[in-house]
N, C-alpha and C. Protein backbone atom coordinates (compact mmCIF):
# COMPACT_ATOMS: atom_id res chain seq x y z
N MET A 1 116.08 128.03 146.96
CA MET A 1 116.12 126.64 146.67
C MET A 1 114.86 126.10 146.13
N ILE A 2 113.70 126.58 146.73
CA ILE A 2 112.44 126.09 146.23
C ILE A 2 112.21 126.66 144.75
N ASP A 3 112.76 127.81 144.51
CA ASP A 3 112.62 128.44 143.18
C ASP A 3 113.39 127.50 142.16
N THR A 4 114.52 126.98 142.60
CA THR A 4 115.25 126.10 141.70
C THR A 4 114.54 124.85 141.49
N ILE A 5 113.95 124.20 142.47
CA ILE A 5 113.19 123.03 142.33
C ILE A 5 111.99 123.22 141.39
N LEU A 6 111.27 124.26 141.60
CA LEU A 6 110.16 124.55 140.80
C LEU A 6 110.50 124.87 139.32
N ALA A 7 111.62 125.56 139.15
CA ALA A 7 112.11 125.82 137.80
C ALA A 7 112.59 124.49 137.12
N ALA A 8 113.17 123.69 137.84
CA ALA A 8 113.61 122.28 137.30
C ALA A 8 112.34 121.49 136.91
N THR A 9 111.30 121.52 137.78
CA THR A 9 110.11 120.75 137.57
C THR A 9 109.40 121.30 136.30
N GLU A 10 109.35 122.62 136.24
CA GLU A 10 108.75 123.25 134.96
C GLU A 10 109.52 122.91 133.75
N ALA A 11 110.87 122.91 133.88
CA ALA A 11 111.69 122.57 132.61
C ALA A 11 111.43 121.14 132.22
N VAL A 12 111.26 120.26 133.18
CA VAL A 12 111.02 118.84 132.83
C VAL A 12 109.61 118.75 132.10
N LYS A 13 108.66 119.42 132.58
CA LYS A 13 107.31 119.37 131.91
C LYS A 13 107.41 119.98 130.58
N THR A 14 108.15 121.07 130.42
CA THR A 14 108.25 121.62 129.06
C THR A 14 108.98 120.68 128.14
N PHE A 15 110.11 120.10 128.68
CA PHE A 15 110.89 119.16 127.82
C PHE A 15 109.99 117.98 127.43
N THR A 16 109.16 117.49 128.35
CA THR A 16 108.33 116.36 128.01
C THR A 16 107.33 116.73 126.92
N ARG A 17 106.68 117.92 127.02
CA ARG A 17 105.80 118.35 126.01
C ARG A 17 106.44 118.46 124.67
N PHE A 18 107.64 119.12 124.60
CA PHE A 18 108.31 119.26 123.36
C PHE A 18 108.84 117.93 122.83
N SER A 19 109.22 116.98 123.67
CA SER A 19 109.69 115.67 123.20
C SER A 19 108.46 114.87 122.67
N ILE A 20 107.26 115.01 123.25
CA ILE A 20 106.14 114.27 122.69
C ILE A 20 105.76 114.83 121.33
N VAL A 21 105.71 116.19 121.30
CA VAL A 21 105.37 116.82 119.97
C VAL A 21 106.45 116.46 118.93
N GLY A 22 107.70 116.44 119.34
CA GLY A 22 108.76 116.11 118.33
C GLY A 22 108.64 114.66 117.88
N ILE A 23 108.38 113.81 118.73
CA ILE A 23 108.19 112.37 118.40
C ILE A 23 106.99 112.20 117.46
N LEU A 24 105.89 112.86 117.74
CA LEU A 24 104.71 112.81 116.88
C LEU A 24 105.04 113.38 115.49
N LEU A 25 105.69 114.53 115.41
CA LEU A 25 106.11 115.09 114.17
C LEU A 25 107.06 114.15 113.36
N PHE A 26 108.02 113.51 114.11
CA PHE A 26 108.87 112.57 113.49
C PHE A 26 108.19 111.44 112.89
N LEU A 27 107.11 110.89 113.63
CA LEU A 27 106.39 109.74 113.14
C LEU A 27 105.53 110.16 111.96
N CYS A 28 104.96 111.29 112.00
CA CYS A 28 104.23 111.82 110.79
C CYS A 28 105.09 111.95 109.56
N TYR A 29 106.24 112.59 109.76
CA TYR A 29 107.10 112.71 108.53
C TYR A 29 107.64 111.26 108.06
N GLY A 30 107.94 110.48 109.00
CA GLY A 30 108.29 109.10 108.75
C GLY A 30 107.28 108.34 107.89
N PHE A 31 106.02 108.52 108.36
CA PHE A 31 104.85 107.88 107.65
C PHE A 31 104.78 108.43 106.21
N ILE A 32 104.93 109.64 106.04
CA ILE A 32 104.81 110.30 104.65
C ILE A 32 105.98 109.78 103.82
N VAL A 33 107.17 109.76 104.44
CA VAL A 33 108.31 109.28 103.59
C VAL A 33 108.12 107.78 103.20
N ALA A 34 107.61 107.04 104.13
CA ALA A 34 107.34 105.55 103.85
C ALA A 34 106.30 105.46 102.76
N LEU A 35 105.33 106.22 102.74
CA LEU A 35 104.34 106.15 101.67
C LEU A 35 104.91 106.54 100.39
N VAL A 36 105.76 107.55 100.34
CA VAL A 36 106.40 107.95 99.04
C VAL A 36 107.30 106.85 98.53
N ILE A 37 108.02 106.22 99.45
CA ILE A 37 108.93 105.07 98.97
C ILE A 37 108.11 103.94 98.50
N ILE A 38 107.03 103.55 99.18
CA ILE A 38 106.23 102.47 98.75
C ILE A 38 105.56 102.79 97.40
N GLY A 39 105.11 104.04 97.23
CA GLY A 39 104.56 104.46 95.89
C GLY A 39 105.61 104.30 94.75
N LEU A 40 106.83 104.74 95.06
CA LEU A 40 107.91 104.66 93.99
C LEU A 40 108.22 103.20 93.67
N VAL A 41 108.22 102.38 94.64
CA VAL A 41 108.52 100.94 94.36
C VAL A 41 107.43 100.35 93.58
N ARG A 42 106.14 100.61 93.77
CA ARG A 42 105.08 100.12 93.10
C ARG A 42 105.03 100.66 91.63
N LEU A 43 105.44 101.90 91.54
CA LEU A 43 105.49 102.55 90.18
C LEU A 43 106.57 101.82 89.32
N VAL A 44 107.70 101.60 89.89
CA VAL A 44 108.78 100.99 89.14
C VAL A 44 108.39 99.57 88.77
N LYS A 45 107.72 98.83 89.62
CA LYS A 45 107.25 97.43 89.25
C LYS A 45 106.16 97.49 88.15
N PHE A 46 105.31 98.52 88.25
CA PHE A 46 104.27 98.64 87.24
C PHE A 46 104.90 98.97 85.87
N LEU A 47 105.80 99.86 85.86
CA LEU A 47 106.43 100.27 84.66
C LEU A 47 107.19 99.07 83.98
N GLY A 48 107.83 98.24 84.83
CA GLY A 48 108.51 97.00 84.33
C GLY A 48 107.58 96.07 83.71
N THR A 49 106.47 95.86 84.45
CA THR A 49 105.43 94.89 83.94
C THR A 49 104.74 95.47 82.69
N ALA A 50 104.46 96.68 82.67
CA ALA A 50 103.79 97.28 81.50
C ALA A 50 104.55 97.08 80.20
N ASN A 51 105.86 97.18 80.23
CA ASN A 51 106.65 96.97 79.05
C ASN A 51 106.49 95.52 78.48
N LYS A 52 106.51 94.56 79.34
CA LYS A 52 106.25 93.21 78.94
C LYS A 52 104.83 92.99 78.41
N GLU A 53 103.87 93.61 79.08
CA GLU A 53 102.53 93.53 78.61
C GLU A 53 102.35 94.08 77.26
N MET A 54 102.98 95.23 77.02
CA MET A 54 102.87 95.82 75.63
C MET A 54 103.47 95.00 74.58
N LYS A 55 104.54 94.31 74.96
CA LYS A 55 105.18 93.38 73.93
C LYS A 55 104.24 92.22 73.64
N LEU A 56 103.59 91.65 74.64
CA LEU A 56 102.66 90.58 74.39
C LEU A 56 101.44 91.06 73.62
N THR A 57 100.96 92.25 73.86
CA THR A 57 99.81 92.81 73.24
C THR A 57 100.19 93.01 71.77
N ARG A 58 101.39 93.48 71.50
CA ARG A 58 101.82 93.69 70.05
C ARG A 58 101.86 92.38 69.34
N MET A 59 102.37 91.26 70.00
CA MET A 59 102.45 89.98 69.34
C MET A 59 101.03 89.51 69.09
N GLU A 60 100.10 89.65 70.01
CA GLU A 60 98.78 89.17 69.82
C GLU A 60 98.07 89.92 68.64
N MET A 61 98.32 91.19 68.59
CA MET A 61 97.72 91.98 67.51
C MET A 61 98.35 91.65 66.11
N GLY A 62 99.57 91.28 66.14
CA GLY A 62 100.19 90.78 64.87
C GLY A 62 99.54 89.49 64.39
N LYS A 63 99.36 88.59 65.41
CA LYS A 63 98.74 87.30 65.03
C LYS A 63 97.29 87.56 64.51
N LEU A 64 96.53 88.45 65.17
CA LEU A 64 95.18 88.80 64.68
C LEU A 64 95.20 89.37 63.30
N ALA A 65 96.19 90.30 63.12
CA ALA A 65 96.27 90.91 61.81
C ALA A 65 96.51 89.95 60.68
N GLU A 66 97.35 88.96 61.01
CA GLU A 66 97.71 87.85 60.03
C GLU A 66 96.47 87.03 59.77
N GLU A 67 95.64 86.72 60.75
CA GLU A 67 94.48 85.93 60.55
C GLU A 67 93.44 86.66 59.76
N VAL A 68 93.31 87.95 60.07
CA VAL A 68 92.34 88.74 59.31
C VAL A 68 92.78 88.85 57.83
N HIS A 69 94.14 88.98 57.56
CA HIS A 69 94.61 89.06 56.18
C HIS A 69 94.34 87.75 55.52
N LEU A 70 94.55 86.55 56.10
CA LEU A 70 94.28 85.31 55.54
C LEU A 70 92.81 85.11 55.27
N LEU A 71 91.93 85.55 56.12
CA LEU A 71 90.47 85.53 55.92
C LEU A 71 90.03 86.41 54.78
N ARG A 72 90.64 87.55 54.58
CA ARG A 72 90.33 88.41 53.49
C ARG A 72 90.77 87.78 52.18
N GLN A 73 91.95 87.19 52.19
CA GLN A 73 92.38 86.53 50.96
C GLN A 73 91.51 85.35 50.64
N GLU A 74 91.04 84.61 51.64
CA GLU A 74 90.17 83.47 51.43
C GLU A 74 88.82 83.93 50.83
N LEU A 75 88.27 85.04 51.40
CA LEU A 75 86.93 85.56 50.95
C LEU A 75 87.17 86.12 49.42
N LYS A 76 88.24 86.86 49.21
CA LYS A 76 88.51 87.38 47.92
C LYS A 76 88.65 86.28 46.89
N GLY A 77 89.35 85.22 47.28
CA GLY A 77 89.47 84.07 46.41
C GLY A 77 88.23 83.33 46.07
N GLY A 78 87.33 83.29 47.08
CA GLY A 78 86.02 82.67 46.90
C GLY A 78 85.16 83.55 45.93
N LYS A 79 85.26 84.86 46.07
CA LYS A 79 84.47 85.72 45.16
C LYS A 79 84.94 85.60 43.68
N GLU A 80 86.24 85.45 43.54
CA GLU A 80 86.82 85.38 42.19
C GLU A 80 86.43 84.10 41.53
N GLN A 81 86.32 82.98 42.31
CA GLN A 81 85.88 81.73 41.80
C GLN A 81 84.39 81.77 41.42
N ASP A 82 83.59 82.43 42.19
CA ASP A 82 82.16 82.61 41.92
C ASP A 82 81.81 83.47 40.79
N SER A 83 82.64 84.49 40.53
CA SER A 83 82.40 85.44 39.48
C SER A 83 82.29 84.83 38.15
N PRO A 84 83.22 83.99 37.68
CA PRO A 84 83.04 83.41 36.31
C PRO A 84 81.77 82.48 36.16
N ALA A 85 81.43 81.83 37.20
CA ALA A 85 80.23 80.97 37.18
C ALA A 85 78.98 81.80 37.00
N GLU A 86 78.92 82.97 37.55
CA GLU A 86 77.74 83.80 37.51
C GLU A 86 77.60 84.33 36.14
N THR A 87 78.66 84.66 35.43
CA THR A 87 78.57 85.24 34.10
C THR A 87 78.10 84.22 33.03
N GLU A 88 78.37 82.95 33.23
CA GLU A 88 78.00 81.95 32.21
C GLU A 88 76.61 81.56 32.32
């Protein structure tokens, strides 16, 4: 009978050790999975925002290119008007 009680006590200790280790492993894996999910959510948000930002950047570059084109035409027009005056 004493052997049975000692065996039962030892089994409870072993079960407690394994359950604590199991819980810690479960928490570690859960933490890793949560980090992966958070990372994926942030990546999707970033990629969605990046597309909008690229469109805005392209629009701004188009505006700048048009302004540069107009400035070049203006400078070219000014040189052409100065050229006949210099020859006379």
